[in-house]
PDB file of N, CA and C in Angstrom:
ATOM      1  N   GLY A   1       0.788  -1.198   0.000  1.00  0.00           N
ATOM      2  CA  GLY A   1       0.000   0.000   0.000  1.00  0.00           C
ATOM      3  C   GLY A   1       0.834   1.268   0.000  1.00  0.00           C
ATOM      4  N   LYS A   2       1.977   1.248   0.694  1.00  0.00           N
ATOM      5  CA  LYS A   2       2.793   2.461   0.792  1.00  0.00           C
ATOM      6  C   LYS A   2       3.361   2.870  -0.563  1.00  0.00           C
ATOM      7  N   ASP A   3       3.676   1.893  -1.421  1.00  0.00           N
ATOM      8  CA  ASP A   3       4.157   2.216  -2.772  1.00  0.00           C
ATOM      9  C   ASP A   3       3.075   2.932  -3.572  1.00  0.00           C
ATOM     10  N   ILE A   4       1.838   2.513  -3.404  1.00  0.00           N
ATOM     11  CA  ILE A   4       0.731   3.148  -4.115  1.00  0.00           C
ATOM     12  C   ILE A   4       0.549   4.581  -3.622  1.00  0.00           C
ATOM     13  N   VAL A   5       0.743   4.814  -2.331  1.00  0.00           N
ATOM     14  CA  VAL A   5       0.654   6.173  -1.785  1.00  0.00           C
ATOM     15  C   VAL A   5       1.708   7.065  -2.436  1.00  0.00           C
ATOM     16  N   GLN A   6       2.938   6.575  -2.546  1.00  0.00           N
ATOM     17  CA  GLN A   6       4.007   7.360  -3.181  1.00  0.00           C
ATOM     18  C   GLN A   6       3.679   7.634  -4.643  1.00  0.00           C
ATOM     19  N   PHE A   7       3.147   6.630  -5.332  1.00  0.00           N
ATOM     20  CA  PHE A   7       2.749   6.794  -6.730  1.00  0.00           C
ATOM     21  C   PHE A   7       1.639   7.842  -6.843  1.00  0.00           C
ATOM     22  N   ALA A   8       0.632   7.749  -5.988  1.00  0.00           N
ATOM     23  CA  ALA A   8      -0.482   8.710  -6.015  1.00  0.00           C
ATOM     24  C   ALA A   8       0.010  10.122  -5.717  1.00  0.00           C
ATOM     25  N   ASP A   9       0.930  10.259  -4.770  1.00  0.00           N
ATOM     26  CA  ASP A   9       1.485  11.581  -4.453  1.00  0.00           C
ATOM     27  C   ASP A   9       2.238  12.160  -5.646  1.00  0.00           C
ATOM     28  N   ALA A  10       3.024  11.327  -6.322  1.00  0.00           N
ATOM     29  CA  ALA A  10       3.779  11.791  -7.491  1.00  0.00           C
ATOM     30  C   ALA A  10       2.838  12.227  -8.608  1.00  0.00           C
ATOM     31  N   VAL A  11       1.793  11.447  -8.837  1.00  0.00           N
ATOM     32  CA  VAL A  11       0.811  11.781  -9.877  1.00  0.00           C
ATOM     33  C   VAL A  11       0.095  13.084  -9.523  1.00  0.00           C
ATOM     34  N   LYS A  12      -0.282  13.240  -8.271  1.00  0.00           N
ATOM     35  CA  LYS A  12      -0.982  14.448  -7.819  1.00  0.00           C
ATOM     36  C   LYS A  12      -0.139  15.698  -8.077  1.00  0.00           C
ATOM     37  N   ILE A  13       1.147  15.607  -7.802  1.00  0.00           N
ATOM     38  CA  ILE A  13       2.043  16.757  -7.934  1.00  0.00           C
ATOM     39  C   ILE A  13       2.388  17.060  -9.386  1.00  0.00           C
ATOM     40  N   SER A  14       2.738  16.027 -10.150  1.00  0.00           N
ATOM     41  CA  SER A  14       3.293  16.300 -11.477  1.00  0.00           C
ATOM     42  C   SER A  14       2.379  15.964 -12.653  1.00  0.00           C
ATOM     43  N   HIS A  15       1.299  15.226 -12.427  1.00  0.00           N
ATOM     44  CA  HIS A  15       0.405  14.843 -13.534  1.00  0.00           C
ATOM     45  C   HIS A  15      -1.039  14.844 -13.039  1.00  0.00           C
ATOM     46  N   SER A  16      -1.557  16.028 -12.767  1.00  0.00           N
ATOM     47  CA  SER A  16      -2.881  16.145 -12.154  1.00  0.00           C
ATOM     48  C   SER A  16      -3.996  15.556 -13.015  1.00  0.00           C
ATOM     49  N   GLU A  17      -3.815  15.509 -14.328  1.00  0.00           N
ATOM     50  CA  GLU A  17      -4.850  14.918 -15.185  1.00  0.00           C
ATOM     51  C   GLU A  17      -4.968  13.416 -14.940  1.00  0.00           C
ATOM     52  N   ILE A  18      -3.849  12.748 -14.684  1.00  0.00           N
ATOM     53  CA  ILE A  18      -3.889  11.318 -14.365  1.00  0.00           C
ATOM     54  C   ILE A  18      -4.580  11.123 -13.015  1.00  0.00           C
ATOM     55  N   ASP A  19      -4.306  11.992 -12.059  1.00  0.00           N
ATOM     56  CA  ASP A  19      -4.923  11.925 -10.730  1.00  0.00           C
ATOM     57  C   ASP A  19      -6.447  11.947 -10.833  1.00  0.00           C
ATOM     58  N   LYS A  20      -6.975  12.626 -11.847  1.00  0.00           N
ATOM     59  CA  LYS A  20      -8.424  12.758 -12.034  1.00  0.00           C
ATOM     60  C   LYS A  20      -9.051  11.563 -12.746  1.00  0.00           C
ATOM     61  N   LYS A  21      -8.228  10.564 -13.143  1.00  0.00           N
ATOM     62  CA  LYS A  21      -8.750   9.456 -13.947  1.00  0.00           C
ATOM     63  C   LYS A  21      -8.681   8.091 -13.269  1.00  0.00           C
ATOM     64  N   VAL A  22      -8.014   7.992 -12.129  1.00  0.00           N
ATOM     65  CA  VAL A  22      -7.848   6.703 -11.451  1.00  0.00           C
ATOM     66  C   VAL A  22      -8.622   6.741 -10.131  1.00  0.00           C
ATOM     67  N   CYS A  23      -9.369   5.690  -9.876  1.00  0.00           N
ATOM     68  CA  CYS A  23     -10.204   5.583  -8.660  1.00  0.00           C
ATOM     69  C   CYS A  23     -11.233   6.703  -8.591  1.00  0.00           C
ATOM     70  N   THR A  24     -11.743   7.102  -9.740  1.00  0.00           N
ATOM     71  CA  THR A  24     -12.731   8.176  -9.793  1.00  0.00           C
ATOM     72  C   THR A  24     -14.093   7.689 -10.280  1.00  0.00           C
ATOM     73  N   GLY A  25     -14.221   6.382 -10.481  1.00  0.00           N
ATOM     74  CA  GLY A  25     -15.421   5.869 -11.119  1.00  0.00           C
ATOM     75  C   GLY A  25     -16.413   5.199 -10.188  1.00  0.00           C
ATOM     76  N   THR A  26     -17.411   4.588 -10.822  1.00  0.00           N
ATOM     77  CA  THR A  26     -18.482   3.888 -10.118  1.00  0.00           C
ATOM     78  C   THR A  26     -18.487   2.396 -10.438  1.00  0.00           C
ATOM     79  N   HIS A  27     -17.619   1.970 -11.331  1.00  0.00           N
ATOM     80  CA  HIS A  27     -17.700   0.612 -11.864  1.00  0.00           C
ATOM     81  C   HIS A  27     -17.358  -0.477 -10.859  1.00  0.00           C
ATOM     82  N   LYS A  28     -16.825  -0.137  -9.689  1.00  0.00           N
ATOM     83  CA  LYS A  28     -16.520  -1.140  -8.666  1.00  0.00           C
ATOM     84  C   LYS A  28     -17.406  -0.994  -7.430  1.00  0.00           C
ATOM     85  N   LYS A  29     -18.507  -0.250  -7.553  1.00  0.00           N
ATOM     86  CA  LYS A  29     -19.419  -0.086  -6.416  1.00  0.00           C
ATOM     87  C   LYS A  29     -20.060  -1.417  -6.049  1.00  0.00           C
ATOM     88  N   GLY A  30     -20.309  -2.247  -7.045  1.00  0.00           N
ATOM     89  CA  GLY A  30     -20.845  -3.579  -6.795  1.00  0.00           C
ATOM     90  C   GLY A  30     -22.174  -3.557  -6.080  1.00  0.00           C
ATOM     91  N   THR A  31     -22.286  -4.348  -5.032  1.00  0.00           N
ATOM     92  CA  THR A  31     -23.559  -4.497  -4.323  1.00  0.00           C
ATOM     93  C   THR A  31     -23.654  -3.612  -3.081  1.00  0.00           C
ATOM     94  N   ALA A  32     -22.816  -2.596  -3.010  1.00  0.00           N
ATOM     95  CA  ALA A  32     -22.878  -1.678  -1.863  1.00  0.00           C
ATOM     96  C   ALA A  32     -24.284  -1.102  -1.745  1.00  0.00           C
ATOM     97  N   ASP A  33     -24.781  -1.001  -0.514  1.00  0.00           N
ATOM     98  CA  ASP A  33     -26.136  -0.481  -0.311  1.00  0.00           C
ATOM     99  C   ASP A  33     -26.151   0.982   0.117  1.00  0.00           C
ATOM    100  N   ASN A  34     -24.981   1.588   0.231  1.00  0.00           N
ATOM    101  CA  ASN A  34     -24.944   3.019   0.542  1.00  0.00           C
ATOM    102  C   ASN A  34     -24.645   3.793  -0.737  1.00  0.00           C
ATOM    103  N   THR A  35     -24.592   5.076  -0.655  1.00  0.00           N
ATOM    104  CA  THR A  35     -24.305   5.916  -1.822  1.00  0.00           C
ATOM    105  C   THR A  35     -23.048   6.732  -1.525  1.00  0.00           C
ATOM    106  N   PRO A  36     -21.874   6.072  -1.538  1.00  0.00           N
ATOM    107  CA  PRO A  36     -20.652   6.731  -1.082  1.00  0.00           C
ATOM    108  C   PRO A  36     -20.227   7.910  -1.950  1.00  0.00           C
ATOM    109  N   THR A  37     -19.899   8.990  -1.253  1.00  0.00           N
ATOM    110  CA  THR A  37     -19.406  10.188  -1.923  1.00  0.00           C
ATOM    111  C   THR A  37     -17.976  10.509  -1.508  1.00  0.00           C
ATOM    112  N   GLU A  38     -17.448   9.773  -0.537  1.00  0.00           N
ATOM    113  CA  GLU A  38     -16.099   9.995  -0.013  1.00  0.00           C
ATOM    114  C   GLU A  38     -15.402   8.652   0.159  1.00  0.00           C
ATOM    115  N   TYR A  39     -14.068   8.714   0.241  1.00  0.00           N
ATOM    116  CA  TYR A  39     -13.293   7.538   0.605  1.00  0.00           C
ATOM    117  C   TYR A  39     -13.021   7.569   2.098  1.00  0.00           C
ATOM    118  N   GLY A  40     -13.068   6.405   2.745  1.00  0.00           N
ATOM    119  CA  GLY A  40     -12.785   6.305   4.169  1.00  0.00           C
ATOM    120  C   GLY A  40     -12.178   4.960   4.508  1.00  0.00           C
ATOM    121  N   ILE A  41     -11.529   4.868   5.657  1.00  0.00           N
ATOM    122  CA  ILE A  41     -10.890   3.617   6.074  1.00  0.00           C
ATOM    123  C   ILE A  41     -11.935   2.540   6.324  1.00  0.00           C
ATOM    124  N   GLU A  42     -13.028   2.907   6.988  1.00  0.00           N
ATOM    125  CA  GLU A  42     -14.134   1.983   7.235  1.00  0.00           C
ATOM    126  C   GLU A  42     -15.377   2.522   6.532  1.00  0.00           C
ATOM    127  N   PRO A  43     -15.931   1.766   5.580  1.00  0.00           N
ATOM    128  CA  PRO A  43     -17.134   2.231   4.892  1.00  0.00           C
ATOM    129  C   PRO A  43     -18.263   2.509   5.882  1.00  0.00           C
ATOM    130  N   SER A  44     -19.019   3.565   5.612  1.00  0.00           N
ATOM    131  CA  SER A  44     -20.112   3.922   6.511  1.00  0.00           C
ATOM    132  C   SER A  44     -21.359   4.267   5.717  1.00  0.00           C
ATOM    133  N   ASN A  45     -22.496   4.066   6.368  1.00  0.00           N
ATOM    134  CA  ASN A  45     -23.779   4.357   5.742  1.00  0.00           C
ATOM    135  C   ASN A  45     -24.508   5.474   6.477  1.00  0.00           C
ATOM    136  N   GLY A  46     -23.856   6.074   7.468  1.00  0.00           N
ATOM    137  CA  GLY A  46     -24.478   7.158   8.216  1.00  0.00           C
ATOM    138  C   GLY A  46     -23.693   8.439   8.030  1.00  0.00           C
ATOM    139  N   GLY A  47     -24.371   9.569   8.071  1.00  0.00           N
ATOM    140  CA  GLY A  47     -23.677  10.840   7.867  1.00  0.00           C
ATOM    141  C   GLY A  47     -23.060  10.882   6.481  1.00  0.00           C
ATOM    142  N   THR A  48     -21.764  11.128   6.413  1.00  0.00           N
ATOM    143  CA  THR A  48     -21.072  11.084   5.130  1.00  0.00           C
ATOM    144  C   THR A  48     -20.872   9.624   4.755  1.00  0.00           C
ATOM    145  N   LYS A  49     -21.445   9.216   3.657  1.00  0.00           N
ATOM    146  CA  LYS A  49     -21.349   7.824   3.226  1.00  0.00           C
ATOM    147  C   LYS A  49     -19.992   7.606   2.564  1.00  0.00           C
ATOM    148  N   THR A  50     -19.281   6.569   3.008  1.00  0.00           N
ATOM    149  CA  THR A  50     -17.921   6.336   2.529  1.00  0.00           C
ATOM    150  C   THR A  50     -17.741   4.921   2.009  1.00  0.00           C
ATOM    151  N   THR A  51     -16.683   4.747   1.229  1.00  0.00           N
ATOM    152  CA  THR A  51     -16.266   3.445   0.734  1.00  0.00           C
ATOM    153  C   THR A  51     -14.752   3.349   0.848  1.00  0.00           C
ATOM    154  N   ALA A  52     -14.250   2.129   0.901  1.00  0.00           N
ATOM    155  CA  ALA A  52     -12.807   1.886   0.873  1.00  0.00           C
ATOM    156  C   ALA A  52     -12.465   1.083  -0.375  1.00  0.00           C
ATOM    157  N   GLN A  53     -13.275   1.261  -1.423  1.00  0.00           N
ATOM    158  CA  GLN A  53     -13.095   0.550  -2.681  1.00  0.00           C
ATOM    159  C   GLN A  53     -12.797   1.537  -3.800  1.00  0.00           C
ATOM    160  N   CYS A  54     -11.643   1.377  -4.454  1.00  0.00           N
ATOM    161  CA  CYS A  54     -11.280   2.204  -5.610  1.00  0.00           C
ATOM    162  C   CYS A  54     -12.386   2.125  -6.654  1.00  0.00           C
ATOM    163  N   SER A  55     -12.810   3.276  -7.147  1.00  0.00           N
ATOM    164  CA  SER A  55     -13.897   3.386  -8.129  1.00  0.00           C
ATOM    165  C   SER A  55     -15.190   2.748  -7.628  1.00  0.00           C
ATOM    166  N   GLY A  56     -15.418   2.858  -6.315  1.00  0.00           N
ATOM    167  CA  GLY A  56     -16.651   2.377  -5.713  1.00  0.00           C
ATOM    168  C   GLY A  56     -17.560   3.518  -5.293  1.00  0.00           C
ATOM    169  N   LEU A  57     -17.417   4.641  -5.960  1.00  0.00           N
ATOM    170  CA  LEU A  57     -18.191   5.839  -5.619  1.00  0.00           C
ATOM    171  C   LEU A  57     -19.591   5.783  -6.213  1.00  0.00           C
ATOM    172  N   ASN A  58     -20.493   6.577  -5.665  1.00  0.00           N
ATOM    173  CA  ASN A  58     -21.854   6.649  -6.180  1.00  0.00           C
ATOM    174  C   ASN A  58     -21.937   7.489  -7.450  1.00  0.00           C
ATOM    175  N   ALA A  59     -21.074   8.495  -7.575  1.00  0.00           N
ATOM    176  CA  ALA A  59     -21.048   9.359  -8.759  1.00  0.00           C
ATOM    177  C   ALA A  59     -19.610   9.463  -9.254  1.00  0.00           C
ATOM    178  N   ALA A  60     -19.443   9.363 -10.562  1.00  0.00           N
ATOM    179  CA  ALA A  60     -18.107   9.383 -11.159  1.00  0.00           C
ATOM    180  C   ALA A  60     -17.507  10.784 -11.155  1.00  0.00           C
ATOM    181  N   LYS A  61     -16.191  10.811 -11.129  1.00  0.00           N
ATOM    182  CA  LYS A  61     -15.384  12.031 -11.308  1.00  0.00           C
ATOM    183  C   LYS A  61     -15.533  13.042 -10.183  1.00  0.00           C
ATOM    184  N   THR A  62     -15.917  12.588  -8.985  1.00  0.00           N
ATOM    185  CA  THR A  62     -16.041  13.511  -7.858  1.00  0.00           C
ATOM    186  C   THR A  62     -14.822  13.475  -6.944  1.00  0.00           C
ATOM    187  N   LYS A  63     -14.035  12.415  -7.013  1.00  0.00           N
ATOM    188  CA  LYS A  63     -12.830  12.255  -6.197  1.00  0.00           C
ATOM    189  C   LYS A  63     -11.663  11.871  -7.098  1.00  0.00           C
ATOM    190  N   LYS A  64     -10.450  11.964  -6.559  1.00  0.00           N
ATOM    191  CA  LYS A  64      -9.234  11.686  -7.326  1.00  0.00           C
ATOM    192  C   LYS A  64      -8.497  10.491  -6.738  1.00  0.00           C
ATOM    193  N   PHE A  65      -7.503  10.016  -7.498  1.00  0.00           N
ATOM    194  CA  PHE A  65      -6.643   8.924  -7.058  1.00  0.00           C
ATOM    195  C   PHE A  65      -5.976   9.272  -5.728  1.00  0.00           C
ATOM    196  N   SER A  66      -5.487  10.489  -5.612  1.00  0.00           N
ATOM    197  CA  SER A  66      -4.832  10.913  -4.369  1.00  0.00           C
ATOM    198  C   SER A  66      -5.818  10.918  -3.196  1.00  0.00           C
ATOM    199  N   ASP A  67      -7.088  11.245  -3.449  1.00  0.00           N
ATOM    200  CA  ASP A  67      -8.113  11.183  -2.397  1.00  0.00           C
ATOM    201  C   ASP A  67      -8.305   9.744  -1.926  1.00  0.00           C
ATOM    202  N   PHE A  68      -8.324   8.820  -2.886  1.00  0.00           N
ATOM    203  CA  PHE A  68      -8.450   7.399  -2.554  1.00  0.00           C
ATOM    204  C   PHE A  68      -7.277   6.947  -1.691  1.00  0.00           C
ATOM    205  N   ALA A  69      -6.051   7.213  -2.153  1.00  0.00           N
ATOM    206  CA  ALA A  69      -4.854   6.742  -1.448  1.00  0.00           C
ATOM    207  C   ALA A  69      -4.804   7.267  -0.016  1.00  0.00           C
ATOM    208  N   GLU A  70      -5.163   8.527   0.155  1.00  0.00           N
ATOM    209  CA  GLU A  70      -5.149   9.127   1.490  1.00  0.00           C
ATOM    210  C   GLU A  70      -6.341   8.668   2.324  1.00  0.00           C
ATOM    211  N   GLY A  71      -7.507   8.636   1.714  1.00  0.00           N
ATOM    212  CA  GLY A  71      -8.742   8.391   2.455  1.00  0.00           C
ATOM    213  C   GLY A  71      -8.919   6.997   3.006  1.00  0.00           C
ATOM    214  N   VAL A  72      -8.426   5.979   2.294  1.00  0.00           N
ATOM    215  CA  VAL A  72      -8.666   4.598   2.733  1.00  0.00           C
ATOM    216  C   VAL A  72      -7.554   4.050   3.617  1.00  0.00           C
ATOM    217  N   GLY A  73      -6.549   4.871   3.918  1.00  0.00           N
ATOM    218  CA  GLY A  73      -5.519   4.456   4.862  1.00  0.00           C
ATOM    219  C   GLY A  73      -4.393   3.624   4.283  1.00  0.00           C
ATOM    220  N   LEU A  74      -4.093   3.797   3.003  1.00  0.00           N
ATOM    221  CA  LEU A  74      -3.029   2.994   2.396  1.00  0.00           C
ATOM    222  C   LEU A  74      -1.683   3.192   3.089  1.00  0.00           C
ATOM    223  N   LYS A  75      -1.399   4.403   3.553  1.00  0.00           N
ATOM    224  CA  LYS A  75      -0.098   4.654   4.209  1.00  0.00           C
ATOM    225  C   LYS A  75       0.044   3.840   5.490  1.00  0.00           C
ATOM    226  N   ASP A  76      -1.059   3.412   6.059  1.00  0.00           N
ATOM    227  CA  ASP A  76      -1.054   2.580   7.264  1.00  0.00           C
ATOM    228  C   ASP A  76      -1.327   1.112   6.931  1.00  0.00           C
ATOM    229  N   ASN A  77      -1.113   0.757   5.659  1.00  0.00           N
ATOM    230  CA  ASN A  77      -1.325  -0.613   5.176  1.00  0.00           C
ATOM    231  C   ASN A  77      -2.758  -1.099   5.367  1.00  0.00           C
ATOM    232  N   LYS A  78      -3.709  -0.210   5.201  1.00  0.00           N
ATOM    233  CA  LYS A  78      -5.122  -0.573   5.273  1.00  0.00           C
ATOM    234  C   LYS A  78      -5.697  -0.624   3.851  1.00  0.00           C
ATOM    235  N   ASN A  79      -6.622  -1.530   3.632  1.00  0.00           N
ATOM    236  CA  ASN A  79      -7.411  -1.612   2.396  1.00  0.00           C
ATOM    237  C   ASN A  79      -6.579  -1.813   1.138  1.00  0.00           C
ATOM    238  N   TRP A  80      -5.450  -2.481   1.252  1.00  0.00           N
ATOM    239  CA  TRP A  80      -4.646  -2.842   0.082  1.00  0.00           C
ATOM    240  C   TRP A  80      -4.107  -4.237   0.291  1.00  0.00           C
ATOM    241  N   PRO A  81      -4.271  -5.116  -0.665  1.00  0.00           N
ATOM    242  CA  PRO A  81      -4.801  -4.919  -2.015  1.00  0.00           C
ATOM    243  C   PRO A  81      -6.322  -5.040  -2.109  1.00  0.00           C
ATOM    244  N   THR A  82      -6.978  -5.394  -1.003  1.00  0.00           N
ATOM    245  CA  THR A  82      -8.426  -5.608  -1.022  1.00  0.00           C
ATOM    246  C   THR A  82      -9.146  -4.463  -0.317  1.00  0.00           C
ATOM    247  N   GLY A  83     -10.202  -3.966  -0.955  1.00  0.00           N
ATOM    248  CA  GLY A  83     -10.991  -2.883  -0.384  1.00  0.00           C
ATOM    249  C   GLY A  83     -12.165  -3.394   0.425  1.00  0.00           C
ATOM    250  N   LYS A  84     -12.971  -2.449   0.894  1.00  0.00           N
ATOM    251  CA  LYS A  84     -14.183  -2.759   1.653  1.00  0.00           C
ATOM    252  C   LYS A  84     -15.312  -1.868   1.155  1.00  0.00           C
ATOM    253  N   TYR A  85     -16.534  -2.342   1.353  1.00  0.00           N
ATOM    254  CA  TYR A  85     -17.715  -1.563   1.001  1.00  0.00           C
ATOM    255  C   TYR A  85     -18.781  -1.811   2.064  1.00  0.00           C
ATOM    256  N   HIS A  86     -19.885  -1.086   1.982  1.00  0.00           N
ATOM    257  CA  HIS A  86     -20.960  -1.236   2.966  1.00  0.00           C
ATOM    258  C   HIS A  86     -22.157  -1.918   2.323  1.00  0.00           C
ATOM    259  N   LYS A  87     -22.580  -3.039   2.911  1.00  0.00           N
ATOM    260  CA  LYS A  87     -23.824  -3.712   2.526  1.00  0.00           C
ATOM    261  C   LYS A  87     -24.407  -4.289   3.808  1.00  0.00           C
ATOM    262  N   THR A  88     -25.333  -3.591   4.405  1.00  0.00           N
ATOM    263  CA  THR A  88     -25.900  -3.870   5.721  1.00  0.00           C
ATOM    264  C   THR A  88     -24.858  -3.615   6.816  1.00  0.00           C
ATOM    265  N   SER A  89     -23.638  -4.066   6.578  1.00  0.00           N
ATOM    266  CA  SER A  89     -22.500  -3.796   7.462  1.00  0.00           C
ATOM    267  C   SER A  89     -21.258  -3.731   6.569  1.00  0.00           C
ATOM    268  N   VAL A  90     -20.096  -3.548   7.163  1.00  0.00           N
ATOM    269  CA  VAL A  90     -18.858  -3.478   6.379  1.00  0.00           C
ATOM    270  C   VAL A  90     -18.536  -4.865   5.827  1.00  0.00           C
ATOM    271  N   GLN A  91     -18.270  -4.918   4.521  1.00  0.00           N
ATOM    272  CA  GLN A  91     -17.942  -6.170   3.830  1.00  0.00           C
ATOM    273  C   GLN A  91     -16.581  -6.039   3.158  1.00  0.00           C
ATOM    274  N   ASN A  92     -15.821  -7.126   3.138  1.00  0.00           N
ATOM    275  CA  ASN A  92     -14.585  -7.135   2.362  1.00  0.00           C
ATOM    276  C   ASN A  92     -14.926  -7.261   0.891  1.00  0.00           C
ATOM    277  N   GLY A  93     -14.167  -6.557   0.053  1.00  0.00           N
ATOM    278  CA  GLY A  93     -14.345  -6.685  -1.382  1.00  0.00           C
ATOM    279  C   GLY A  93     -13.803  -8.017  -1.869  1.00  0.00           C
ATOM    280  N   ASP A  94     -13.939  -8.260  -3.151  1.00  0.00           N
ATOM    281  CA  ASP A  94     -13.341  -9.453  -3.741  1.00  0.00           C
ATOM    282  C   ASP A  94     -11.836  -9.414  -3.504  1.00  0.00           C
ATOM    283  N   PRO A  95     -11.174 -10.573  -3.487  1.00  0.00           N
ATOM    284  CA  PRO A  95      -9.719 -10.577  -3.295  1.00  0.00           C
ATOM    285  C   PRO A  95      -9.022  -9.635  -4.284  1.00  0.00           C
ATOM    286  N   ASN A  96      -8.117  -8.819  -3.774  1.00  0.00           N
ATOM    287  CA  ASN A  96      -7.336  -7.873  -4.586  1.00  0.00           C
ATOM    288  C   ASN A  96      -8.190  -6.824  -5.293  1.00  0.00           C
ATOM    289  N   SER A  97      -9.370  -6.536  -4.770  1.00  0.00           N
ATOM    290  CA  SER A  97     -10.301  -5.642  -5.467  1.00  0.00           C
ATOM    291  C   SER A  97      -9.727  -4.250  -5.717  1.00  0.00           C
ATOM    292  N   ASN A  98      -8.997  -3.689  -4.780  1.00  0.00           N
ATOM    293  CA  ASN A  98      -8.427  -2.357  -5.008  1.00  0.00           C
ATOM    294  C   ASN A  98      -7.274  -2.406  -6.001  1.00  0.00           C
ATOM    295  N   ALA A  99      -6.421  -3.409  -5.893  1.00  0.00           N
ATOM    296  CA  ALA A  99      -5.308  -3.539  -6.839  1.00  0.00           C
ATOM    297  C   ALA A  99      -5.835  -3.715  -8.262  1.00  0.00           C
ATOM    298  N   ILE A 100      -6.857  -4.526  -8.417  1.00  0.00           N
ATOM    299  CA  ILE A 100      -7.452  -4.756  -9.740  1.00  0.00           C
ATOM    300  C   ILE A 100      -8.102  -3.479 -10.261  1.00  0.00           C
ATOM    301  N   ALA A 101      -8.824  -2.766  -9.409  1.00  0.00           N
ATOM    302  CA  ALA A 101      -9.496  -1.535  -9.842  1.00  0.00           C
ATOM    303  C   ALA A 101      -8.489  -0.476 -10.284  1.00  0.00           C
ATOM    304  N   VAL A 102      -7.386  -0.316  -9.543  1.00  0.00           N
ATOM    305  CA  VAL A 102      -6.350   0.645  -9.946  1.00  0.00           C
ATOM    306  C   VAL A 102      -5.784   0.244 -11.305  1.00  0.00           C
ATOM    307  N   ALA A 103      -5.454  -1.029 -11.470  1.00  0.00           N
ATOM    308  CA  ALA A 103      -4.893  -1.502 -12.742  1.00  0.00           C
ATOM    309  C   ALA A 103      -5.877  -1.289 -13.888  1.00  0.00           C
ATOM    310  N   GLU A 104      -7.148  -1.612 -13.670  1.00  0.00           N
ATOM    311  CA  GLU A 104      -8.158  -1.415 -14.718  1.00  0.00           C
ATOM    312  C   GLU A 104      -8.266   0.054 -15.099  1.00  0.00           C
ATOM    313  N   ASP A 105      -8.296   0.936 -14.108  1.00  0.00           N
ATOM    314  CA  ASP A 105      -8.402   2.368 -14.405  1.00  0.00           C
ATOM    315  C   ASP A 105      -7.181   2.859 -15.175  1.00  0.00           C
ATOM    316  N   LEU A 106      -5.992   2.398 -14.803  1.00  0.00           N
ATOM    317  CA  LEU A 106      -4.780   2.806 -15.522  1.00  0.00           C
ATOM    318  C   LEU A 106      -4.838   2.375 -16.984  1.00  0.00           C
ATOM    319  N   VAL A 107      -5.341   1.173 -17.228  1.00  0.00           N
ATOM    320  CA  VAL A 107      -5.401   0.643 -18.593  1.00  0.00           C
ATOM    321  C   VAL A 107      -6.531   1.284 -19.397  1.00  0.00           C
ATOM    322  N   LYS A 108      -7.707   1.428 -18.795  1.00  0.00           N
ATOM    323  CA  LYS A 108      -8.896   1.866 -19.537  1.00  0.00           C
ATOM    324  C   LYS A 108      -9.073   3.377 -19.626  1.00  0.00           C
ATOM    325  N   GLU A 109      -8.596   4.113 -18.640  1.00  0.00           N
ATOM    326  CA  GLU A 109      -8.904   5.542 -18.567  1.00  0.00           C
ATOM    327  C   GLU A 109      -7.807   6.459 -19.100  1.00  0.00           C
ATOM    328  N   LEU A 110      -6.570   5.982 -19.146  1.00  0.00           N
ATOM    329  CA  LEU A 110      -5.465   6.858 -19.544  1.00  0.00           C
ATOM    330  C   LEU A 110      -5.245   6.858 -21.047  1.00  0.00           C
ATOM    331  N   THR A 111      -4.784   7.989 -21.557  1.00  0.00           N
ATOM    332  CA  THR A 111      -4.399   8.085 -22.965  1.00  0.00           C
ATOM    333  C   THR A 111      -3.081   7.336 -23.152  1.00  0.00           C
ATOM    334  N   PRO A 112      -2.712   7.026 -24.395  1.00  0.00           N
ATOM    335  CA  PRO A 112      -1.413   6.383 -24.626  1.00  0.00           C
ATOM    336  C   PRO A 112      -0.247   7.201 -24.053  1.00  0.00           C
ATOM    337  N   GLU A 113      -0.324   8.509 -24.161  1.00  0.00           N
ATOM    338  CA  GLU A 113       0.741   9.362 -23.626  1.00  0.00           C
ATOM    339  C   GLU A 113       0.809   9.264 -22.104  1.00  0.00           C
ATOM    340  N   GLU A 114      -0.356   9.244 -21.450  1.00  0.00           N
ATOM    341  CA  GLU A 114      -0.388   9.134 -19.991  1.00  0.00           C
ATOM    342  C   GLU A 114       0.120   7.774 -19.528  1.00  0.00           C
ATOM    343  N   LYS A 115      -0.175   6.735 -20.297  1.00  0.00           N
ATOM    344  CA  LYS A 115       0.341   5.402 -19.958  1.00  0.00           C
ATOM    345  C   LYS A 115       1.859   5.385 -20.014  1.00  0.00           C
ATOM    346  N   THR A 116       2.441   6.108 -20.960  1.00  0.00           N
ATOM    347  CA  THR A 116       3.898   6.207 -21.054  1.00  0.00           C
ATOM    348  C   THR A 116       4.462   6.899 -19.818  1.00  0.00           C
ATOM    349  N   VAL A 117       3.810   7.939 -19.355  1.00  0.00           N
ATOM    350  CA  VAL A 117       4.243   8.652 -18.147  1.00  0.00           C
ATOM    351  C   VAL A 117       4.231   7.706 -16.950  1.00  0.00           C
ATOM    352  N   VAL A 118       3.168   6.922 -16.807  1.00  0.00           N
ATOM    353  CA  VAL A 118       3.032   6.005 -15.681  1.00  0.00           C
ATOM    354  C   VAL A 118       4.101   4.915 -15.734  1.00  0.00           C
ATOM    355  N   ALA A 119       4.374   4.440 -16.949  1.00  0.00           N
ATOM    356  CA  ALA A 119       5.376   3.371 -17.109  1.00  0.00           C
ATOM    357  C   ALA A 119       6.741   3.879 -16.708  1.00  0.00           C
TER     358      ALA A 119
END
């Protein structure tokens, strides 16, 4: 998880357009029963609804990759490689769900030029 935090920090500082394209989607929300608008270490369904799943947001393009890395506790080795979501209570995501979601977003959302920057 700490390597991903360093990567997210580098992207945030030097390639803000990439920061806006990773972990910003809804395609990994799955069966969550809340409507998460923020990233958090423990998904919640009260007050501010949160998720710990990359691209598990209720609305696309409202958060950035750096928000995900900071919000879900990656620097403290939380929620990596597997995320969590809320369905009646906190549930673990599929195995490696966050690692897979980051990889999918890097492949599907970035331009060829941005992929070269990441490589």
